[in-house]
Amino acid sequence: MLKNILKDKQLKTKLLGAGLLVFGISACGRINEGSGRAEMLSGIVGGRPVLPSEDYSQKIVGLKLIFPDGAEASCTGSILNDDTILTAAHCLDGMQAIEVRFGPSFFAPTFVRSETTFKMHDSYLENSENEFDTYDVGLVHFEGGLPEGYVSNQILNTNALIQDGQNVILSGYGVTNGWLGTGSGTLRVAETVPVKNSKYAQTEIELNQSKREGGHGGCYGDSGGPAFIRINGQLLLWGVTSRGENGCDKTSIYTDLRTHSEWIHTTSESLRALQLN
C-alpha cells in the first residue's frame, strides 16, 4: 500500500519535505475483477523476479486485504515466525479480513492461510498525520502454520549500523511502473537501493529511488514488504515499506524494525494467546 487508495476508502495524502506528495499510508494495490482475471492497479520498480531457489522466496508473503464493503487490495509481508507476519500498519487499517498468500505469484498462490487476526501499532493512528515517526508497523497472526519450505526472518541486531550510501535490498509484489501502475503480482527484488538518510527520523530511514541512483525501489503493492541487508551471506530483515512519493521514482520511507523490537515481541505473543483462547 504505498499510500494511494481504493474504492471509497478515504485516506489523506501527506507532504514529504518540500511539498512532495507521498504515496505511503494508502499505497496498497487495488485488486479489480476485470476481463476474467484479477488485476492490481497499484512490484518493485527496477527489480527482477525472485527465483524459487532464492532465500527471498522462503521469507516473503503476499497479503490480500478485504474491506468491509467487499473491495480488495494487496500488500506484502515478511515472515516473523511460524504463525506471524510483519507488515505496515496502514495495510491493516480498516480491514475486515486478511488472507496470507504464499508463492511467487500473488494471483496464483501456492498456499493460502485465511484464518487470521491482526493488529496495528498502538501509536499508529495518532501519529499517522505526522511527517516523521508514523509507527507504520503491524502484525498478522495466521492459523495452519508455515507451509513446507518457508522460514522465519531474522531481524537485524539492534546495535548494527545502517549508513548513508549503503545499498539495501527491497522485495514485494507491487507494480514495476509507478506512473502506469503496471507489472504487479509477481514477487520481485531490487538488491542495490541506496540509503539516502539513515537518520531521517528516530524510527524511520529514507531510501533513494531516483533514476540517477538506478531507479530501484518500492511502489504500490509493496507496502508492508521487507527491507534487508546481507551480512556474511545471511539475509537480515531491518525494515518495513511505509511510504514514498507519487510515481515511486524519488525517495521512500521505511519503518526501522530495530526501534520496535519490544512491541513486535509482546504483540506477537498476545496475538498468539488471543488465538488460543
Protein backbone atom coordinates (compact mmCIF):
# COMPACT_ATOMS: atom_id res chain seq x y z
CA MET A 1 0.00 0.00 0.00
CA LEU A 2 2.38 2.83 -0.64
CA LYS A 3 -0.25 5.43 0.06
CA ASN A 4 -2.69 5.79 -2.96
CA ILE A 5 -6.01 4.04 -2.45
CA LEU A 6 -9.00 2.20 -3.47
CA LYS A 7 -12.64 2.42 -3.95
CA ASP A 8 -14.43 4.62 -1.38
CA LYS A 9 -11.67 4.37 1.20
CA GLN A 10 -10.71 7.93 2.12
CA LEU A 11 -7.04 8.24 3.07
CA LYS A 12 -5.31 11.56 3.42
CA THR A 13 -2.24 12.29 1.37
CA LYS A 14 0.83 13.66 3.11
CA LEU A 15 3.63 16.02 2.20
CA LEU A 16 7.24 14.98 2.44
CA GLY A 17 9.96 17.60 2.51
CA ALA A 18 9.48 20.46 0.08
CA GLY A 19 5.87 19.88 -0.89
CA LEU A 20 6.37 16.43 -2.38
CA LEU A 21 3.27 14.23 -2.42
CA VAL A 22 3.80 10.87 -0.79
CA PHE A 23 2.12 7.59 -1.54
CA GLY A 24 2.51 5.92 1.84
CA ILE A 25 -0.44 5.15 4.06
CA SER A 26 -2.78 4.10 1.29
CA ALA A 27 -0.42 2.58 -1.19
CA CYS A 28 -1.69 -0.93 -1.29
CA GLY A 29 -2.55 -2.17 -4.73
CA ARG A 30 -6.21 -2.34 -5.52
CA ILE A 31 -7.47 -5.61 -6.97
CA ASN A 32 -10.07 -5.38 -9.72
CA GLU A 33 -12.03 -8.28 -11.12
CA GLY A 34 -11.85 -7.43 -14.78
CA SER A 35 -11.67 -9.28 -18.09
CA GLY A 36 -11.78 -12.65 -16.42
CA ARG A 37 -8.84 -12.22 -14.07
CA ALA A 38 -7.79 -10.10 -11.12
CA GLU A 39 -5.58 -7.07 -11.66
CA MET A 40 -3.87 -4.71 -9.25
CA LEU A 41 -3.81 -1.08 -10.20
CA SER A 42 -1.10 -0.17 -7.92
CA GLY A 43 6.46 -5.00 -7.81
CA ILE A 44 9.33 -3.42 -7.10
CA VAL A 45 10.39 -0.68 -9.53
CA GLY A 46 13.56 -1.70 -11.39
CA GLY A 47 13.58 -5.11 -9.74
CA ARG A 48 13.77 -8.64 -11.10
CA PRO A 49 11.58 -11.70 -10.45
CA VAL A 50 12.64 -13.78 -7.46
CA LEU A 51 13.77 -17.32 -8.32
CA PRO A 52 12.26 -20.26 -6.37
CA SER A 53 15.77 -21.26 -5.24
CA GLU A 54 16.48 -17.88 -3.60
CA ASP A 55 16.06 -17.24 0.10
CA TYR A 56 13.74 -14.30 -0.60
CA SER A 57 11.09 -16.74 -1.84
CA GLN A 58 11.13 -18.54 1.53
CA LYS A 59 10.64 -15.44 3.68
CA ILE A 60 8.08 -13.16 1.97
CA VAL A 61 4.30 -13.40 1.51
CA GLY A 62 1.50 -11.50 -0.18
CA LEU A 63 -1.43 -10.13 1.80
CA LYS A 64 -4.88 -9.96 0.24
CA LEU A 65 -6.80 -7.23 2.06
CA ILE A 66 -10.58 -7.29 2.25
CA PHE A 67 -12.56 -4.16 3.18
CA PRO A 68 -15.99 -4.25 4.86
CA ASP A 69 -17.63 -3.19 1.58
CA GLY A 70 -16.05 -6.12 -0.29
CA ALA A 71 -13.31 -4.10 -2.02
CA GLU A 72 -9.94 -5.84 -2.14
CA ALA A 73 -6.34 -4.65 -2.14
CA SER A 74 -2.86 -6.06 -1.68
CA CYS A 75 0.23 -5.59 0.45
CA THR A 76 3.42 -7.51 1.10
CA GLY A 77 4.62 -9.05 4.36
CA SER A 78 7.64 -10.76 5.93
CA ILE A 79 7.50 -14.00 7.92
CA LEU A 80 8.29 -13.28 11.58
CA ASN A 81 7.77 -16.81 12.92
CA ASP A 82 5.69 -19.90 12.20
CA ASP A 83 2.36 -18.09 12.65
CA THR A 84 3.02 -14.33 12.34
CA ILE A 85 3.65 -11.87 9.50
CA LEU A 86 5.24 -8.42 9.78
CA THR A 87 3.70 -5.71 7.61
CA ALA A 88 2.77 -2.00 7.65
CA ALA A 89 0.06 -0.66 9.93
CA HIS A 90 -1.57 1.19 7.05
CA CYS A 91 -2.13 -2.16 5.31
CA LEU A 92 -4.32 -3.24 8.24
CA ASP A 93 -6.21 0.00 8.80
CA GLY A 94 -9.94 -0.51 8.24
CA MET A 95 -9.65 -4.10 7.04
CA GLN A 96 -12.35 -6.68 7.70
CA ALA A 97 -10.24 -9.72 6.80
CA ILE A 98 -6.75 -10.55 5.54
CA GLU A 99 -5.58 -13.59 3.56
CA VAL A 100 -1.93 -14.67 3.64
CA ARG A 101 -0.68 -15.84 0.22
CA PHE A 102 2.50 -17.89 -0.25
CA GLY A 103 4.29 -18.26 -3.59
CA PRO A 104 5.95 -16.22 -6.37
CA SER A 105 2.60 -15.17 -7.86
CA PHE A 106 0.10 -13.15 -5.87
CA PHE A 107 -2.73 -14.17 -8.19
CA ALA A 108 -1.89 -17.89 -8.23
CA PRO A 109 -0.63 -18.60 -4.71
CA THR A 110 0.89 -21.98 -3.86
CA PHE A 111 -0.55 -21.90 -0.34
CA VAL A 112 -3.14 -19.73 1.43
CA ARG A 113 -3.89 -19.04 5.09
CA SER A 114 -7.23 -17.33 5.67
CA GLU A 115 -7.80 -17.71 9.43
CA THR A 116 -6.12 -14.52 10.64
CA THR A 117 -6.13 -11.89 13.34
CA PHE A 118 -4.14 -8.67 13.08
CA LYS A 119 -3.05 -5.56 14.97
CA MET A 120 -1.57 -2.18 14.08
CA HIS A 121 0.99 -0.49 16.30
CA ASP A 122 -0.82 1.13 19.23
CA SER A 123 0.54 4.58 18.34
CA TYR A 124 -0.13 4.40 14.60
CA LEU A 125 -3.44 6.26 14.32
CA GLU A 126 -2.48 9.21 16.48
CA ASN A 127 0.78 9.63 14.57
CA SER A 128 -0.46 8.94 11.03
CA GLU A 129 -0.72 12.66 10.24
CA ASN A 130 2.87 13.34 11.26
CA GLU A 131 5.64 13.74 8.72
CA PHE A 132 8.02 11.64 10.80
CA ASP A 133 7.86 8.55 13.03
CA THR A 134 4.44 7.29 11.96
CA TYR A 135 4.72 3.90 13.76
CA ASP A 136 3.75 2.25 10.49
CA VAL A 137 4.16 -1.39 11.55
CA GLY A 138 1.66 -4.17 12.20
CA LEU A 139 1.34 -7.91 12.68
CA VAL A 140 -0.88 -10.59 11.14
CA HIS A 141 -1.32 -13.88 13.02
CA PHE A 142 -2.49 -16.87 10.98
CA GLU A 143 -3.65 -20.40 11.70
CA GLY A 144 -2.28 -23.52 9.99
CA GLY A 145 1.45 -22.90 10.40
CA LEU A 146 4.06 -22.20 7.76
CA PRO A 147 3.90 -24.29 4.58
CA GLU A 148 6.85 -26.56 3.94
CA GLY A 149 9.84 -24.69 2.55
CA TYR A 150 9.07 -21.37 4.25
CA VAL A 151 11.17 -20.00 7.12
CA SER A 152 11.21 -17.13 9.59
CA ASN A 153 13.21 -13.96 9.02
CA GLN A 154 15.98 -12.93 11.36
CA ILE A 155 15.76 -9.26 12.32
CA LEU A 156 18.95 -7.21 12.23
CA ASN A 157 20.63 -6.74 15.60
CA THR A 158 19.66 -3.50 17.29
CA ASN A 159 23.32 -2.49 17.57
CA ALA A 160 24.07 -2.99 13.87
CA LEU A 161 24.56 0.16 11.80
CA ILE A 162 22.83 1.21 8.60
CA GLN A 163 24.75 4.03 6.95
CA ASP A 164 24.07 6.68 4.32
CA GLY A 165 25.05 5.42 0.86
CA GLN A 166 24.83 1.78 1.88
CA ASN A 167 22.91 -0.49 -0.51
CA VAL A 168 19.92 -2.35 0.90
CA ILE A 169 17.58 -4.95 -0.57
CA LEU A 170 13.83 -4.48 -1.17
CA SER A 171 11.23 -7.03 -2.21
CA GLY A 172 7.49 -7.17 -2.84
CA TYR A 173 4.55 -7.98 -5.13
CA GLY A 174 3.79 -4.40 -6.21
CA VAL A 175 3.97 -2.55 -9.50
CA THR A 176 7.07 -2.11 -11.62
CA ASN A 177 5.95 1.26 -13.02
CA GLY A 178 4.65 3.78 -10.51
CA TRP A 179 3.13 6.12 -13.10
CA LEU A 180 1.40 3.49 -15.23
CA GLY A 181 0.52 1.19 -12.33
CA THR A 182 1.59 -1.92 -14.25
CA GLY A 183 3.58 -5.08 -13.58
CA SER A 184 2.22 -6.13 -10.20
CA GLY A 185 1.51 -9.58 -8.82
CA THR A 186 4.96 -11.16 -9.15
CA LEU A 187 7.43 -11.30 -6.25
CA ARG A 188 10.41 -9.15 -7.22
CA VAL A 189 13.61 -7.99 -5.61
CA ALA A 190 15.88 -4.95 -6.02
CA GLU A 191 19.30 -5.52 -4.47
CA THR A 192 21.07 -2.17 -4.84
CA VAL A 193 18.85 0.54 -3.34
CA PRO A 194 21.00 3.18 -1.58
CA VAL A 195 20.21 4.68 1.80
CA LYS A 196 19.66 8.41 1.44
CA ASN A 197 19.24 9.35 5.10
CA SER A 198 19.75 6.76 7.83
CA LYS A 199 18.67 9.35 10.41
CA TYR A 200 15.55 10.55 8.62
CA ALA A 201 13.64 10.13 11.88
CA GLN A 202 14.03 8.30 15.17
CA THR A 203 12.19 5.24 13.85
CA GLU A 204 12.44 5.66 10.06
CA ILE A 205 15.05 5.52 7.29
CA GLU A 206 14.89 7.25 3.88
CA LEU A 207 15.97 5.45 0.70
CA ASN A 208 16.94 6.89 -2.69
CA GLN A 209 14.87 5.51 -5.61
CA SER A 210 15.82 8.17 -8.17
CA LYS A 211 16.85 7.27 -11.69
CA ARG A 212 20.26 8.80 -11.01
CA GLU A 213 20.76 6.08 -8.37
CA GLY A 214 19.45 3.28 -10.58
CA GLY A 215 15.72 3.80 -10.28
CA HIS A 216 15.14 0.82 -7.98
CA GLY A 217 12.71 0.80 -5.08
CA GLY A 218 9.31 0.10 -3.58
CA CYS A 219 5.98 1.04 -5.10
CA TYR A 220 2.23 0.44 -4.87
CA GLY A 221 1.55 -3.07 -3.57
CA ASP A 222 4.98 -3.34 -1.93
CA SER A 223 3.68 -1.67 1.23
CA GLY A 224 4.48 -3.66 4.34
CA GLY A 225 7.18 -5.54 2.46
CA PRO A 226 10.73 -6.10 3.65
CA ALA A 227 14.00 -4.21 3.54
CA PHE A 228 17.07 -6.42 4.05
CA ILE A 229 20.81 -6.27 4.22
CA ARG A 230 23.23 -9.19 3.83
CA ILE A 231 25.99 -9.82 6.32
CA ASN A 232 28.35 -12.71 5.55
CA GLY A 233 25.78 -14.06 3.11
CA GLN A 234 22.94 -14.04 5.62
CA LEU A 235 19.75 -12.16 4.78
CA LEU A 236 18.74 -9.92 7.70
CA LEU A 237 15.45 -8.02 7.93
CA TRP A 238 15.56 -4.42 9.16
CA GLY A 239 12.66 -2.51 7.62
CA VAL A 240 9.03 -2.36 6.51
CA THR A 241 7.87 -0.40 3.46
CA SER A 242 5.88 2.61 4.67
CA ARG A 243 5.51 5.44 2.16
CA GLY A 244 7.03 7.35 -0.73
CA GLU A 245 6.31 9.86 -3.45
CA ASN A 246 3.83 9.50 -6.30
CA GLY A 247 5.43 7.70 -9.23
CA CYS A 248 7.83 5.83 -6.94
CA ASP A 249 10.88 7.38 -8.60
CA LYS A 250 12.34 9.68 -5.95
CA THR A 251 12.51 8.55 -2.32
CA SER A 252 10.78 6.13 0.02
CA ILE A 253 10.49 5.83 3.79
CA TYR A 254 10.95 2.56 5.69
CA THR A 255 10.00 1.81 9.28
CA ASP A 256 13.11 0.69 11.19
CA LEU A 257 12.11 -2.56 12.90
CA ARG A 258 15.02 -2.35 15.33
CA THR A 259 13.23 0.52 17.08
CA HIS A 260 10.05 -1.53 17.51
CA SER A 261 11.52 -4.83 18.72
CA GLU A 262 9.77 -4.80 22.10
CA TRP A 263 6.36 -4.03 20.58
CA ILE A 264 6.83 -6.73 17.94
CA HIS A 265 7.68 -9.36 20.56
CA THR A 266 4.90 -8.55 23.02
CA THR A 267 2.24 -8.12 20.33
CA SER A 268 3.18 -11.36 18.61
CA GLU A 269 2.76 -13.19 21.93
CA SER A 270 -0.58 -11.51 22.66
CA LEU A 271 -1.98 -12.37 19.22
CA ARG A 272 -0.95 -15.98 19.69
CA ALA A 273 -2.61 -16.07 23.13
CA LEU A 274 -5.76 -14.48 21.72
CA GLN A 275 -5.98 -17.13 19.01
CA LEU A 276 -5.55 -19.92 21.56
CA ASN A 277 -8.43 -18.55 23.61
